[in-house]
Each structure stands twice: as structure tokens, then as C-alpha cells.
């Protein structure tokens, strides 16, 4: 057994995996925001409102189902998705300024 976490190879491997997952999440969020910026431009050009509550509700239910299937708390997944959606809407609104 190692004396400190710096010497623990198993812990180092877990942490490397976590770091890779975090990086992948950031890249996926960046791609999502690139696409939603395009949606925002299209909505503005088409005179559509920045928010679509019906679509958002569908997405929340879809994410909750995927979370349950993956063994993740659906409440957490809903909070996470709501945070992302709210950020997208904020960007859409600020793009119209």
C-alpha cells in the first residue's frame, strides 16, 4: 500500500479516467453550444422566440428516461439539462442585443 495518494497507481488511473471524461464532457458541451448558437441565429432570422417550452419539456422527459436507464438520478439529469437550456436561452437573448 502506498503512503500517499501521489504513489497510488490505482488512484492515479482512476483520476486519469475522470480527467478524460471531464475533457470529453467539455468538448461535447462546446459542440452543443455551437449548434445551439446556430439555432439561435435561425430563430432570430425566422422571428421565433428564443425559448420553446414544449421542446424543453420533451427534452427533460427524454433525459430523465436516459438517466434512469443509465442508473443516474433523473432529478440530477433534469437539473443539469435545465442549467444547459437556461444558458442557451441566455446566449440567444444576448445575441439579440
N, C-alpha and C. Protein backbone atom coordinates (compact mmCIF):
# COMPACT_ATOMS: atom_id res chain seq x y z
N UNK A 1 0.85 -1.19 0.00
CA UNK A 1 0.00 0.00 0.00
C UNK A 1 0.89 1.25 0.00
N UNK A 2 0.52 2.21 -0.78
CA UNK A 2 1.31 3.44 -0.91
C UNK A 2 1.07 4.35 0.28
N UNK A 3 2.07 5.15 0.58
CA UNK A 3 1.97 6.05 1.71
C UNK A 3 1.17 7.30 1.44
N UNK A 4 1.07 7.71 0.17
CA UNK A 4 0.30 8.90 -0.16
C UNK A 4 -0.42 8.67 -1.48
N UNK A 5 -1.42 9.48 -1.75
CA UNK A 5 -2.19 9.32 -2.98
C UNK A 5 -1.32 9.52 -4.22
N UNK A 6 -0.22 10.28 -4.09
CA UNK A 6 0.68 10.51 -5.21
C UNK A 6 1.39 9.23 -5.65
N UNK A 7 1.49 8.25 -4.77
CA UNK A 7 2.16 6.99 -5.08
C UNK A 7 1.16 5.89 -5.43
N UNK A 8 -0.09 6.15 -5.33
CA UNK A 8 -1.13 5.13 -5.53
C UNK A 8 -1.48 5.04 -7.01
N UNK A 9 -0.99 4.01 -7.68
CA UNK A 9 -1.19 3.85 -9.13
C UNK A 9 -2.66 3.64 -9.48
N UNK A 10 -3.37 2.88 -8.65
CA UNK A 10 -4.79 2.65 -8.92
C UNK A 10 -5.55 3.96 -8.88
N UNK A 11 -5.29 4.76 -7.86
CA UNK A 11 -5.94 6.06 -7.74
C UNK A 11 -5.56 6.96 -8.92
N UNK A 12 -4.31 6.93 -9.31
CA UNK A 12 -3.85 7.74 -10.44
C UNK A 12 -4.58 7.34 -11.72
N UNK A 13 -4.81 6.05 -11.91
CA UNK A 13 -5.54 5.58 -13.11
C UNK A 13 -7.00 6.03 -13.07
N UNK A 14 -7.62 5.93 -11.91
CA UNK A 14 -9.00 6.42 -11.77
C UNK A 14 -9.07 7.90 -12.10
N UNK A 15 -8.13 8.65 -11.55
CA UNK A 15 -8.13 10.10 -11.77
C UNK A 15 -7.87 10.44 -13.23
N UNK A 16 -7.02 9.68 -13.89
CA UNK A 16 -6.78 9.91 -15.33
C UNK A 16 -8.06 9.65 -16.12
N UNK A 17 -8.80 8.62 -15.75
CA UNK A 17 -10.08 8.35 -16.41
C UNK A 17 -11.06 9.49 -16.19
N UNK A 18 -11.13 9.97 -14.96
CA UNK A 18 -12.02 11.09 -14.65
C UNK A 18 -11.63 12.32 -15.46
N UNK A 19 -10.33 12.59 -15.55
CA UNK A 19 -9.86 13.74 -16.32
C UNK A 19 -10.25 13.61 -17.80
N UNK A 20 -10.13 12.41 -18.35
CA UNK A 20 -10.53 12.18 -19.74
C UNK A 20 -12.02 12.38 -19.94
N UNK A 21 -12.81 11.89 -19.01
CA UNK A 21 -14.27 12.05 -19.09
C UNK A 21 -14.64 13.52 -19.00
N UNK A 22 -14.01 14.25 -18.06
CA UNK A 22 -14.27 15.69 -17.93
C UNK A 22 -13.95 16.42 -19.22
N UNK A 23 -12.81 16.07 -19.84
CA UNK A 23 -12.43 16.71 -21.10
C UNK A 23 -13.46 16.41 -22.19
N UNK A 24 -13.91 15.17 -22.25
CA UNK A 24 -14.92 14.79 -23.25
C UNK A 24 -16.21 15.56 -23.02
N UNK A 25 -16.61 15.72 -21.75
CA UNK A 25 -17.83 16.48 -21.45
C UNK A 25 -17.71 17.92 -21.90
N UNK A 26 -16.57 18.54 -21.68
CA UNK A 26 -16.37 19.92 -22.09
C UNK A 26 -16.45 20.03 -23.61
N UNK A 27 -15.82 19.11 -24.31
CA UNK A 27 -15.87 19.14 -25.78
C UNK A 27 -17.30 18.91 -26.30
N UNK A 28 -18.03 18.02 -25.66
CA UNK A 28 -19.43 17.79 -26.05
C UNK A 28 -20.29 19.02 -25.78
N UNK A 29 -20.08 19.65 -24.63
CA UNK A 29 -20.84 20.87 -24.34
C UNK A 29 -20.49 21.98 -25.33
N UNK A 30 -19.22 22.09 -25.69
CA UNK A 30 -18.81 23.10 -26.67
C UNK A 30 -19.50 22.84 -28.00
N UNK A 31 -19.57 21.60 -28.42
CA UNK A 31 -20.25 21.26 -29.68
C UNK A 31 -21.74 21.56 -29.57
N UNK A 32 -22.33 21.24 -28.43
CA UNK A 32 -23.76 21.52 -28.22
C UNK A 32 -24.02 23.02 -28.33
N UNK A 33 -23.15 23.82 -27.70
CA UNK A 33 -23.33 25.27 -27.75
C UNK A 33 -23.10 25.83 -29.15
N UNK A 34 -22.20 25.22 -29.92
CA UNK A 34 -22.02 25.66 -31.32
C UNK A 34 -23.31 25.45 -32.11
N UNK A 35 -23.93 24.30 -31.93
CA UNK A 35 -25.18 24.01 -32.65
C UNK A 35 -26.30 24.90 -32.14
N UNK A 36 -26.40 25.10 -30.83
CA UNK A 36 -27.48 25.93 -30.32
C UNK A 36 -27.30 27.39 -30.72
N UNK A 37 -26.05 27.84 -30.93
CA UNK A 37 -25.85 29.20 -31.46
C UNK A 37 -26.45 29.30 -32.86
N UNK A 38 -26.28 28.25 -33.66
CA UNK A 38 -26.86 28.23 -35.00
C UNK A 38 -28.39 28.24 -34.92
N UNK A 39 -28.92 27.51 -33.95
CA UNK A 39 -30.37 27.51 -33.72
C UNK A 39 -30.82 28.92 -33.36
N UNK A 40 -30.06 29.58 -32.48
CA UNK A 40 -30.41 30.94 -32.08
C UNK A 40 -30.42 31.91 -33.24
N UNK A 41 -29.43 31.80 -34.12
CA UNK A 41 -29.39 32.66 -35.31
C UNK A 41 -30.61 32.39 -36.19
N UNK A 42 -30.89 31.13 -36.40
CA UNK A 42 -32.04 30.77 -37.23
C UNK A 42 -33.35 31.28 -36.62
N UNK A 43 -33.50 31.09 -35.31
CA UNK A 43 -34.72 31.56 -34.65
C UNK A 43 -34.86 33.07 -34.79
N UNK A 44 -33.77 33.80 -34.60
CA UNK A 44 -33.81 35.26 -34.72
C UNK A 44 -34.19 35.66 -36.14
N UNK A 45 -33.59 35.03 -37.13
CA UNK A 45 -33.89 35.35 -38.53
C UNK A 45 -35.33 35.00 -38.90
N UNK A 46 -35.84 33.93 -38.28
CA UNK A 46 -37.20 33.49 -38.58
C UNK A 46 -38.24 34.16 -37.69
N UNK A 47 -37.80 35.00 -36.77
CA UNK A 47 -38.73 35.69 -35.87
C UNK A 47 -39.34 34.77 -34.83
N UNK A 48 -38.64 33.70 -34.48
CA UNK A 48 -39.13 32.75 -33.48
C UNK A 48 -38.63 33.14 -32.09
N UNK A 49 -39.37 32.80 -31.06
CA UNK A 49 -38.93 33.13 -29.69
C UNK A 49 -37.70 32.30 -29.32
N UNK A 50 -36.85 32.84 -28.43
CA UNK A 50 -35.63 32.11 -28.05
C UNK A 50 -35.92 30.83 -27.26
N UNK A 51 -37.01 30.78 -26.54
CA UNK A 51 -37.36 29.60 -25.74
C UNK A 51 -38.50 28.84 -26.40
N UNK A 52 -38.47 27.52 -26.23
CA UNK A 52 -39.52 26.64 -26.73
C UNK A 52 -39.90 25.70 -25.60
N UNK A 53 -40.81 26.13 -24.72
CA UNK A 53 -41.14 25.34 -23.53
C UNK A 53 -41.59 23.91 -23.84
N UNK A 54 -42.30 23.71 -24.95
CA UNK A 54 -42.75 22.35 -25.30
C UNK A 54 -41.54 21.45 -25.61
N UNK A 55 -40.62 21.95 -26.42
CA UNK A 55 -39.41 21.20 -26.76
C UNK A 55 -38.59 20.94 -25.50
N UNK A 56 -38.47 21.95 -24.64
CA UNK A 56 -37.70 21.78 -23.41
C UNK A 56 -38.30 20.68 -22.53
N UNK A 57 -39.62 20.66 -22.42
CA UNK A 57 -40.30 19.63 -21.62
C UNK A 57 -40.04 18.24 -22.20
N UNK A 58 -40.08 18.13 -23.53
CA UNK A 58 -39.79 16.85 -24.18
C UNK A 58 -38.37 16.41 -23.89
N UNK A 59 -37.44 17.35 -23.96
CA UNK A 59 -36.03 17.03 -23.70
C UNK A 59 -35.82 16.59 -22.25
N UNK A 60 -36.48 17.26 -21.32
CA UNK A 60 -36.35 16.90 -19.91
C UNK A 60 -36.83 15.47 -19.71
N UNK A 61 -37.98 15.13 -20.27
CA UNK A 61 -38.51 13.77 -20.11
C UNK A 61 -37.58 12.75 -20.77
N UNK A 62 -37.06 13.08 -21.92
CA UNK A 62 -36.13 12.20 -22.62
C UNK A 62 -34.87 11.97 -21.78
N UNK A 63 -34.31 13.04 -21.24
CA UNK A 63 -33.11 12.93 -20.41
C UNK A 63 -33.38 12.16 -19.12
N UNK A 64 -34.53 12.37 -18.54
CA UNK A 64 -34.87 11.63 -17.32
C UNK A 64 -34.92 10.13 -17.60
N UNK A 65 -35.52 9.77 -18.74
CA UNK A 65 -35.58 8.36 -19.11
C UNK A 65 -34.20 7.77 -19.35
N UNK A 66 -33.35 8.51 -20.04
CA UNK A 66 -31.99 8.03 -20.28
C UNK A 66 -31.22 7.92 -18.97
N UNK A 67 -31.43 8.87 -18.07
CA UNK A 67 -30.74 8.85 -16.78
C UNK A 67 -31.16 7.61 -15.98
N UNK A 68 -32.45 7.37 -15.93
CA UNK A 68 -32.93 6.20 -15.20
C UNK A 68 -32.33 4.92 -15.78
N UNK A 69 -32.31 4.83 -17.11
CA UNK A 69 -31.76 3.64 -17.77
C UNK A 69 -30.27 3.48 -17.49
N UNK A 70 -29.58 4.60 -17.29
CA UNK A 70 -28.14 4.56 -17.04
C UNK A 70 -27.81 4.47 -15.55
N UNK A 71 -28.82 4.47 -14.70
CA UNK A 71 -28.58 4.39 -13.27
C UNK A 71 -28.17 5.70 -12.63
N UNK A 72 -28.54 6.80 -13.28
CA UNK A 72 -28.24 8.14 -12.75
C UNK A 72 -29.54 8.75 -12.23
N UNK A 73 -29.44 9.50 -11.17
CA UNK A 73 -30.61 10.16 -10.59
C UNK A 73 -31.27 11.05 -11.64
N UNK A 74 -32.53 10.79 -11.99
CA UNK A 74 -33.20 11.61 -13.01
C UNK A 74 -33.38 13.07 -12.57
N UNK A 75 -33.46 13.32 -11.28
CA UNK A 75 -33.57 14.69 -10.80
C UNK A 75 -32.28 15.44 -11.12
N UNK A 76 -31.15 14.80 -10.90
CA UNK A 76 -29.86 15.41 -11.26
C UNK A 76 -29.81 15.70 -12.75
N UNK A 77 -30.21 14.73 -13.57
CA UNK A 77 -30.14 14.93 -15.02
C UNK A 77 -31.04 16.09 -15.44
N UNK A 78 -32.19 16.21 -14.80
CA UNK A 78 -33.09 17.32 -15.13
C UNK A 78 -32.47 18.66 -14.73
N UNK A 79 -31.87 18.72 -13.57
CA UNK A 79 -31.22 19.96 -13.13
C UNK A 79 -30.08 20.33 -14.08
N UNK A 80 -29.30 19.33 -14.49
CA UNK A 80 -28.19 19.58 -15.40
C UNK A 80 -28.71 20.09 -16.74
N UNK A 81 -29.72 19.43 -17.28
CA UNK A 81 -30.28 19.86 -18.57
C UNK A 81 -30.89 21.25 -18.45
N UNK A 82 -31.58 21.52 -17.36
CA UNK A 82 -32.19 22.84 -17.17
C UNK A 82 -31.10 23.91 -17.14
N UNK A 83 -30.00 23.63 -16.47
CA UNK A 83 -28.88 24.57 -16.42
C UNK A 83 -28.37 24.85 -17.84
N UNK A 84 -28.18 23.80 -18.63
CA UNK A 84 -27.69 23.96 -20.00
C UNK A 84 -28.70 24.74 -20.84
N UNK A 85 -29.97 24.39 -20.76
CA UNK A 85 -31.01 25.08 -21.53
C UNK A 85 -31.06 26.55 -21.15
N UNK A 86 -31.01 26.84 -19.85
CA UNK A 86 -31.06 28.24 -19.41
C UNK A 86 -29.87 29.02 -19.95
N UNK A 87 -28.71 28.39 -20.01
CA UNK A 87 -27.52 29.05 -20.55
C UNK A 87 -27.69 29.30 -22.05
N UNK A 88 -28.24 28.35 -22.75
CA UNK A 88 -28.50 28.51 -24.20
C UNK A 88 -29.45 29.68 -24.42
N UNK A 89 -30.53 29.74 -23.66
CA UNK A 89 -31.51 30.82 -23.80
C UNK A 89 -30.86 32.16 -23.50
N UNK A 90 -30.02 32.19 -22.46
CA UNK A 90 -29.30 33.43 -22.12
C UNK A 90 -28.45 33.88 -23.31
N UNK A 91 -27.78 32.94 -23.95
CA UNK A 91 -26.98 33.28 -25.13
C UNK A 91 -27.85 33.78 -26.26
N UNK A 92 -29.00 33.13 -26.47
CA UNK A 92 -29.91 33.56 -27.54
C UNK A 92 -30.40 34.99 -27.28
N UNK A 93 -30.73 35.27 -26.03
CA UNK A 93 -31.23 36.60 -25.71
C UNK A 93 -30.14 37.66 -25.86
N UNK A 94 -28.92 37.34 -25.44
CA UNK A 94 -27.84 38.32 -25.53
C UNK A 94 -27.41 38.51 -26.98
N UNK A 95 -27.61 37.52 -27.83
CA UNK A 95 -27.27 37.66 -29.25
C UNK A 95 -28.19 38.65 -29.94
N UNK A 96 -29.37 38.83 -29.37
CA UNK A 96 -30.33 39.75 -29.97
C UNK A 96 -30.11 41.20 -29.57
N UNK A 97 -29.18 41.42 -28.63
CA UNK A 97 -28.90 42.80 -28.15
C UNK A 97 -28.18 43.62 -29.19
